[in-house]
Amino acid sequence: MPDRTADQIQGDIVAARAALARTVDELAYRTSPKRVLGRTKQSLREKARTPQGQAVIAGASALLLVVLVRRFRKR
């Protein structure tokens, strides 16, 4: 490996810091609670449009109805 000058090493350090800062900024952007919630909502909407998703929703609704009816009957 050829000898490097102090200026070259300093330049590499500056470039590495800039790359690290961009990476940290991108991670912060991707993991912000608002964005995660937005992606989750969109994913659930897309899944709810499929036949399997509609079946899950229908099953959950039926289960909720049974639970509510049983609860009100006990009163």
PDB file of N, CA and C in Angstrom:
ATOM      1  N   MET A   1       0.849  -1.168   0.000  1.00  0.00           N
ATOM      2  CA  MET A   1       0.000   0.000   0.000  1.00  0.00           C
ATOM      3  C   MET A   1       0.900   1.238   0.000  1.00  0.00           C
ATOM      4  N   PRO A   2       0.648   2.134  -0.940  1.00  0.00           N
ATOM      5  CA  PRO A   2       1.509   3.317  -1.011  1.00  0.00           C
ATOM      6  C   PRO A   2       1.306   4.216   0.200  1.00  0.00           C
ATOM      7  N   ASP A   3       2.347   4.981   0.499  1.00  0.00           N
ATOM      8  CA  ASP A   3       2.242   5.930   1.611  1.00  0.00           C
ATOM      9  C   ASP A   3       1.232   7.011   1.249  1.00  0.00           C
ATOM     10  N   ARG A   4       0.434   7.368   2.235  1.00  0.00           N
ATOM     11  CA  ARG A   4      -0.581   8.401   2.002  1.00  0.00           C
ATOM     12  C   ARG A   4      -0.219   9.623   2.832  1.00  0.00           C
ATOM     13  N   THR A   5      -0.593  10.738   2.310  1.00  0.00           N
ATOM     14  CA  THR A   5      -0.310  11.976   3.033  1.00  0.00           C
ATOM     15  C   THR A   5      -1.388  12.198   4.088  1.00  0.00           C
ATOM     16  N   ALA A   6      -1.091  13.082   4.990  1.00  0.00           N
ATOM     17  CA  ALA A   6      -2.062  13.427   6.034  1.00  0.00           C
ATOM     18  C   ALA A   6      -3.327  14.031   5.421  1.00  0.00           C
ATOM     19  N   ASP A   7      -3.153  14.807   4.355  1.00  0.00           N
ATOM     20  CA  ASP A   7      -4.318  15.409   3.688  1.00  0.00           C
ATOM     21  C   ASP A   7      -5.215  14.340   3.062  1.00  0.00           C
ATOM     22  N   GLN A   8      -4.612  13.296   2.495  1.00  0.00           N
ATOM     23  CA  GLN A   8      -5.398  12.213   1.907  1.00  0.00           C
ATOM     24  C   GLN A   8      -6.173  11.460   2.996  1.00  0.00           C
ATOM     25  N   ILE A   9      -5.523  11.199   4.087  1.00  0.00           N
ATOM     26  CA  ILE A   9      -6.181  10.503   5.203  1.00  0.00           C
ATOM     27  C   ILE A   9      -7.303  11.368   5.751  1.00  0.00           C
ATOM     28  N   GLN A  10      -7.024  12.667   5.907  1.00  0.00           N
ATOM     29  CA  GLN A  10      -8.056  13.584   6.401  1.00  0.00           C
ATOM     30  C   GLN A  10      -9.243  13.615   5.435  1.00  0.00           C
ATOM     31  N   GLY A  11      -8.978  13.608   4.145  1.00  0.00           N
ATOM     32  CA  GLY A  11     -10.046  13.588   3.139  1.00  0.00           C
ATOM     33  C   GLY A  11     -10.888  12.322   3.249  1.00  0.00           C
ATOM     34  N   ASP A  12     -10.240  11.184   3.476  1.00  0.00           N
ATOM     35  CA  ASP A  12     -10.961   9.922   3.657  1.00  0.00           C
ATOM     36  C   ASP A  12     -11.847   9.970   4.901  1.00  0.00           C
ATOM     37  N   ILE A  13     -11.333  10.568   5.956  1.00  0.00           N
ATOM     38  CA  ILE A  13     -12.108  10.683   7.196  1.00  0.00           C
ATOM     39  C   ILE A  13     -13.338  11.567   6.973  1.00  0.00           C
ATOM     40  N   VAL A  14     -13.151  12.677   6.292  1.00  0.00           N
ATOM     41  CA  VAL A  14     -14.275  13.585   6.007  1.00  0.00           C
ATOM     42  C   VAL A  14     -15.326  12.865   5.156  1.00  0.00           C
ATOM     43  N   ALA A  15     -14.886  12.126   4.151  1.00  0.00           N
ATOM     44  CA  ALA A  15     -15.820  11.397   3.280  1.00  0.00           C
ATOM     45  C   ALA A  15     -16.557  10.316   4.066  1.00  0.00           C
ATOM     46  N   ALA A  16     -15.849   9.619   4.948  1.00  0.00           N
ATOM     47  CA  ALA A  16     -16.486   8.570   5.757  1.00  0.00           C
ATOM     48  C   ALA A  16     -17.520   9.173   6.704  1.00  0.00           C
ATOM     49  N   ARG A  17     -17.213  10.323   7.289  1.00  0.00           N
ATOM     50  CA  ARG A  17     -18.173  10.996   8.177  1.00  0.00           C
ATOM     51  C   ARG A  17     -19.424  11.413   7.414  1.00  0.00           C
ATOM     52  N   ALA A  18     -19.228  11.940   6.214  1.00  0.00           N
ATOM     53  CA  ALA A  18     -20.375  12.364   5.403  1.00  0.00           C
ATOM     54  C   ALA A  18     -21.246  11.161   5.036  1.00  0.00           C
ATOM     55  N   ALA A  19     -20.612  10.062   4.665  1.00  0.00           N
ATOM     56  CA  ALA A  19     -21.371   8.851   4.321  1.00  0.00           C
ATOM     57  C   ALA A  19     -22.127   8.331   5.537  1.00  0.00           C
ATOM     58  N   LEU A  20     -21.477   8.353   6.695  1.00  0.00           N
ATOM     59  CA  LEU A  20     -22.134   7.899   7.924  1.00  0.00           C
ATOM     60  C   LEU A  20     -23.308   8.802   8.277  1.00  0.00           C
ATOM     61  N   ALA A  21     -23.140  10.094   8.114  1.00  0.00           N
ATOM     62  CA  ALA A  21     -24.232  11.037   8.396  1.00  0.00           C
ATOM     63  C   ALA A  21     -25.418  10.775   7.472  1.00  0.00           C
ATOM     64  N   ARG A  22     -25.160  10.519   6.186  1.00  0.00           N
ATOM     65  CA  ARG A  22     -26.255  10.204   5.246  1.00  0.00           C
ATOM     66  C   ARG A  22     -26.966   8.921   5.658  1.00  0.00           C
ATOM     67  N   THR A  23     -26.204   7.918   6.078  1.00  0.00           N
ATOM     68  CA  THR A  23     -26.793   6.646   6.499  1.00  0.00           C
ATOM     69  C   THR A  23     -27.665   6.829   7.734  1.00  0.00           C
ATOM     70  N   VAL A  24     -27.177   7.579   8.708  1.00  0.00           N
ATOM     71  CA  VAL A  24     -27.956   7.827   9.925  1.00  0.00           C
ATOM     72  C   VAL A  24     -29.228   8.597   9.601  1.00  0.00           C
ATOM     73  N   ASP A  25     -29.125   9.598   8.722  1.00  0.00           N
ATOM     74  CA  ASP A  25     -30.310  10.364   8.318  1.00  0.00           C
ATOM     75  C   ASP A  25     -31.337   9.468   7.619  1.00  0.00           C
ATOM     76  N   GLU A  26     -30.866   8.580   6.759  1.00  0.00           N
ATOM     77  CA  GLU A  26     -31.777   7.671   6.049  1.00  0.00           C
ATOM     78  C   GLU A  26     -32.454   6.715   7.027  1.00  0.00           C
ATOM     79  N   LEU A  27     -31.714   6.198   7.990  1.00  0.00           N
ATOM     80  CA  LEU A  27     -32.302   5.301   8.990  1.00  0.00           C
ATOM     81  C   LEU A  27     -33.338   6.041   9.834  1.00  0.00           C
ATOM     82  N   ALA A  28     -33.037   7.266  10.215  1.00  0.00           N
ATOM     83  CA  ALA A  28     -33.991   8.054  10.992  1.00  0.00           C
ATOM     84  C   ALA A  28     -35.257   8.305  10.182  1.00  0.00           C
ATOM     85  N   TYR A  29     -35.110   8.579   8.903  1.00  0.00           N
ATOM     86  CA  TYR A  29     -36.266   8.815   8.031  1.00  0.00           C
ATOM     87  C   TYR A  29     -37.109   7.549   7.907  1.00  0.00           C
ATOM     88  N   ARG A  30     -36.454   6.420   7.663  1.00  0.00           N
ATOM     89  CA  ARG A  30     -37.181   5.165   7.468  1.00  0.00           C
ATOM     90  C   ARG A  30     -37.881   4.675   8.734  1.00  0.00           C
ATOM     91  N   THR A  31     -37.329   4.978   9.886  1.00  0.00           N
ATOM     92  CA  THR A  31     -37.886   4.438  11.128  1.00  0.00           C
ATOM     93  C   THR A  31     -38.697   5.447  11.926  1.00  0.00           C
ATOM     94  N   SER A  32     -39.007   6.591  11.315  1.00  0.00           N
ATOM     95  CA  SER A  32     -39.815   7.562  12.055  1.00  0.00           C
ATOM     96  C   SER A  32     -41.192   6.949  12.313  1.00  0.00           C
ATOM     97  N   PRO A  33     -41.737   7.132  13.501  1.00  0.00           N
ATOM     98  CA  PRO A  33     -43.031   6.517  13.833  1.00  0.00           C
ATOM     99  C   PRO A  33     -44.143   6.856  12.843  1.00  0.00           C
ATOM    100  N   LYS A  34     -44.164   8.095  12.352  1.00  0.00           N
ATOM    101  CA  LYS A  34     -45.198   8.482  11.392  1.00  0.00           C
ATOM    102  C   LYS A  34     -45.099   7.666  10.111  1.00  0.00           C
ATOM    103  N   ARG A  35     -43.883   7.499   9.604  1.00  0.00           N
ATOM    104  CA  ARG A  35     -43.704   6.741   8.361  1.00  0.00           C
ATOM    105  C   ARG A  35     -44.006   5.262   8.572  1.00  0.00           C
ATOM    106  N   VAL A  36     -43.587   4.705   9.691  1.00  0.00           N
ATOM    107  CA  VAL A  36     -43.861   3.292   9.968  1.00  0.00           C
ATOM    108  C   VAL A  36     -45.372   3.069  10.045  1.00  0.00           C
ATOM    109  N   LEU A  37     -46.075   3.962  10.738  1.00  0.00           N
ATOM    110  CA  LEU A  37     -47.527   3.849  10.844  1.00  0.00           C
ATOM    111  C   LEU A  37     -48.182   3.965   9.470  1.00  0.00           C
ATOM    112  N   GLY A  38     -47.720   4.902   8.676  1.00  0.00           N
ATOM    113  CA  GLY A  38     -48.264   5.078   7.328  1.00  0.00           C
ATOM    114  C   GLY A  38     -48.071   3.844   6.463  1.00  0.00           C
ATOM    115  N   ARG A  39     -46.865   3.260   6.508  1.00  0.00           N
ATOM    116  CA  ARG A  39     -46.609   2.038   5.726  1.00  0.00           C
ATOM    117  C   ARG A  39     -47.464   0.881   6.220  1.00  0.00           C
ATOM    118  N   THR A  40     -47.644   0.786   7.537  1.00  0.00           N
ATOM    119  CA  THR A  40     -48.450  -0.293   8.107  1.00  0.00           C
ATOM    120  C   THR A  40     -49.901  -0.152   7.683  1.00  0.00           C
ATOM    121  N   LYS A  41     -50.435   1.064   7.756  1.00  0.00           N
ATOM    122  CA  LYS A  41     -51.824   1.299   7.325  1.00  0.00           C
ATOM    123  C   LYS A  41     -52.005   0.928   5.863  1.00  0.00           C
ATOM    124  N   GLN A  42     -51.072   1.368   5.025  1.00  0.00           N
ATOM    125  CA  GLN A  42     -51.166   1.072   3.592  1.00  0.00           C
ATOM    126  C   GLN A  42     -51.124  -0.432   3.346  1.00  0.00           C
ATOM    127  N   SER A  43     -50.251  -1.121   4.051  1.00  0.00           N
ATOM    128  CA  SER A  43     -50.147  -2.567   3.895  1.00  0.00           C
ATOM    129  C   SER A  43     -51.443  -3.266   4.305  1.00  0.00           C
ATOM    130  N   LEU A  44     -52.031  -2.817   5.416  1.00  0.00           N
ATOM    131  CA  LEU A  44     -53.287  -3.423   5.872  1.00  0.00           C
ATOM    132  C   LEU A  44     -54.419  -3.157   4.887  1.00  0.00           C
ATOM    133  N   ARG A  45     -54.454  -1.953   4.320  1.00  0.00           N
ATOM    134  CA  ARG A  45     -55.490  -1.640   3.321  1.00  0.00           C
ATOM    135  C   ARG A  45     -55.363  -2.550   2.111  1.00  0.00           C
ATOM    136  N   GLU A  46     -54.117  -2.743   1.659  1.00  0.00           N
ATOM    137  CA  GLU A  46     -53.894  -3.596   0.493  1.00  0.00           C
ATOM    138  C   GLU A  46     -54.287  -5.041   0.794  1.00  0.00           C
ATOM    139  N   LYS A  47     -53.952  -5.530   1.981  1.00  0.00           N
ATOM    140  CA  LYS A  47     -54.292  -6.908   2.344  1.00  0.00           C
ATOM    141  C   LYS A  47     -55.798  -7.076   2.513  1.00  0.00           C
ATOM    142  N   ALA A  48     -56.479  -6.032   2.975  1.00  0.00           N
ATOM    143  CA  ALA A  48     -57.924  -6.122   3.187  1.00  0.00           C
ATOM    144  C   ALA A  48     -58.675  -6.239   1.860  1.00  0.00           C
ATOM    145  N   ARG A  49     -58.038  -5.850   0.780  1.00  0.00           N
ATOM    146  CA  ARG A  49     -58.686  -5.924  -0.536  1.00  0.00           C
ATOM    147  C   ARG A  49     -58.590  -7.319  -1.160  1.00  0.00           C
ATOM    148  N   THR A  50     -57.763  -8.186  -0.610  1.00  0.00           N
ATOM    149  CA  THR A  50     -57.626  -9.531  -1.153  1.00  0.00           C
ATOM    150  C   THR A  50     -58.729 -10.426  -0.594  1.00  0.00           C
ATOM    151  N   PRO A  51     -59.054 -11.507  -1.270  1.00  0.00           N
ATOM    152  CA  PRO A  51     -60.082 -12.423  -0.745  1.00  0.00           C
ATOM    153  C   PRO A  51     -59.715 -12.986   0.634  1.00  0.00           C
ATOM    154  N   GLN A  52     -58.432 -13.288   0.839  1.00  0.00           N
ATOM    155  CA  GLN A  52     -58.013 -13.801   2.150  1.00  0.00           C
ATOM    156  C   GLN A  52     -58.188 -12.735   3.221  1.00  0.00           C
ATOM    157  N   GLY A  53     -57.854 -11.505   2.893  1.00  0.00           N
ATOM    158  CA  GLY A  53     -58.009 -10.410   3.838  1.00  0.00           C
ATOM    159  C   GLY A  53     -59.461 -10.172   4.191  1.00  0.00           C
ATOM    160  N   GLN A  54     -60.333 -10.274   3.204  1.00  0.00           N
ATOM    161  CA  GLN A  54     -61.759 -10.094   3.453  1.00  0.00           C
ATOM    162  C   GLN A  54     -62.297 -11.224   4.322  1.00  0.00           C
ATOM    163  N   ALA A  55     -61.770 -12.428   4.129  1.00  0.00           N
ATOM    164  CA  ALA A  55     -62.187 -13.556   4.962  1.00  0.00           C
ATOM    165  C   ALA A  55     -61.750 -13.349   6.407  1.00  0.00           C
ATOM    166  N   VAL A  56     -60.560 -12.836   6.599  1.00  0.00           N
ATOM    167  CA  VAL A  56     -60.068 -12.565   7.953  1.00  0.00           C
ATOM    168  C   VAL A  56     -60.926 -11.499   8.616  1.00  0.00           C
ATOM    169  N   ILE A  57     -61.246 -10.456   7.883  1.00  0.00           N
ATOM    170  CA  ILE A  57     -62.089  -9.387   8.431  1.00  0.00           C
ATOM    171  C   ILE A  57     -63.471  -9.928   8.794  1.00  0.00           C
ATOM    172  N   ALA A  58     -64.051 -10.764   7.920  1.00  0.00           N
ATOM    173  CA  ALA A  58     -65.363 -11.338   8.203  1.00  0.00           C
ATOM    174  C   ALA A  58     -65.309 -12.231   9.435  1.00  0.00           C
ATOM    175  N   GLY A  59     -64.269 -13.027   9.554  1.00  0.00           N
ATOM    176  CA  GLY A  59     -64.118 -13.900  10.720  1.00  0.00           C
ATOM    177  C   GLY A  59     -63.939 -13.104  12.005  1.00  0.00           C
ATOM    178  N   ALA A  60     -63.126 -12.073  11.944  1.00  0.00           N
ATOM    179  CA  ALA A  60     -62.912 -11.238  13.130  1.00  0.00           C
ATOM    180  C   ALA A  60     -64.197 -10.515  13.517  1.00  0.00           C
ATOM    181  N   SER A  61     -64.945 -10.066  12.521  1.00  0.00           N
ATOM    182  CA  SER A  61     -66.218  -9.388  12.803  1.00  0.00           C
ATOM    183  C   SER A  61     -67.203 -10.349  13.463  1.00  0.00           C
ATOM    184  N   ALA A  62     -67.265 -11.580  12.961  1.00  0.00           N
ATOM    185  CA  ALA A  62     -68.166 -12.572  13.546  1.00  0.00           C
ATOM    186  C   ALA A  62     -67.759 -12.887  14.985  1.00  0.00           C
ATOM    187  N   LEU A  63     -66.490 -13.028  15.216  1.00  0.00           N
ATOM    188  CA  LEU A  63     -65.996 -13.296  16.566  1.00  0.00           C
ATOM    189  C   LEU A  63     -66.330 -12.133  17.501  1.00  0.00           C
ATOM    190  N   LEU A  64     -66.132 -10.926  17.049  1.00  0.00           N
ATOM    191  CA  LEU A  64     -66.457  -9.751  17.854  1.00  0.00           C
ATOM    192  C   LEU A  64     -67.944  -9.710  18.169  1.00  0.00           C
ATOM    193  N   LEU A  65     -68.768 -10.032  17.186  1.00  0.00           N
ATOM    194  CA  LEU A  65     -70.217 -10.052  17.405  1.00  0.00           C
ATOM    195  C   LEU A  65     -70.591 -11.082  18.469  1.00  0.00           C
ATOM    196  N   VAL A  66     -70.017 -12.257  18.411  1.00  0.00           N
ATOM    197  CA  VAL A  66     -70.301 -13.300  19.400  1.00  0.00           C
ATOM    198  C   VAL A  66     -69.888 -12.833  20.790  1.00  0.00           C
ATOM    199  N   VAL A  67     -68.713 -12.249  20.892  1.00  0.00           N
ATOM    200  CA  VAL A  67     -68.226 -11.769  22.191  1.00  0.00           C
ATOM    201  C   VAL A  67     -69.159 -10.699  22.743  1.00  0.00           C
ATOM    202  N   LEU A  68     -69.569  -9.762  21.909  1.00  0.00           N
ATOM    203  CA  LEU A  68     -70.453  -8.684  22.368  1.00  0.00           C
ATOM    204  C   LEU A  68     -71.827  -9.211  22.777  1.00  0.00           C
ATOM    205  N   VAL A  69     -72.380 -10.141  22.004  1.00  0.00           N
ATOM    206  CA  VAL A  69     -73.696 -10.702  22.345  1.00  0.00           C
ATOM    207  C   VAL A  69     -73.613 -11.432  23.679  1.00  0.00           C
ATOM    208  N   ARG A  70     -72.579 -12.219  23.877  1.00  0.00           N
ATOM    209  CA  ARG A  70     -72.434 -12.947  25.143  1.00  0.00           C
ATOM    210  C   ARG A  70     -72.278 -11.989  26.322  1.00  0.00           C
ATOM    211  N   ARG A  71     -71.557 -10.925  26.099  1.00  0.00           N
ATOM    212  CA  ARG A  71     -71.330  -9.953  27.167  1.00  0.00           C
ATOM    213  C   ARG A  71     -72.640  -9.256  27.543  1.00  0.00           C
ATOM    214  N   PHE A  72     -73.436  -8.866  26.559  1.00  0.00           N
ATOM    215  CA  PHE A  72     -74.688  -8.173  26.847  1.00  0.00           C
ATOM    216  C   PHE A  72     -75.745  -9.108  27.446  1.00  0.00           C
ATOM    217  N   ARG A  73     -75.682 -10.383  27.099  1.00  0.00           N
ATOM    218  CA  ARG A  73     -76.628 -11.335  27.659  1.00  0.00           C
ATOM    219  C   ARG A  73     -76.380 -11.544  29.153  1.00  0.00           C
ATOM    220  N   LYS A  74     -75.130 -11.413  29.579  1.00  0.00           N
ATOM    221  CA  LYS A  74     -74.804 -11.621  30.997  1.00  0.00           C
ATOM    222  C   LYS A  74     -75.289 -10.481  31.865  1.00  0.00           C
ATOM    223  N   ARG A  75     -75.614  -9.369  31.322  1.00  0.00           N
ATOM    224  CA  ARG A  75     -76.047  -8.200  32.117  1.00  0.00           C
ATOM    225  C   ARG A  75     -77.449  -8.324  32.574  1.00  0.00           C
TER     226      ARG A  75
END
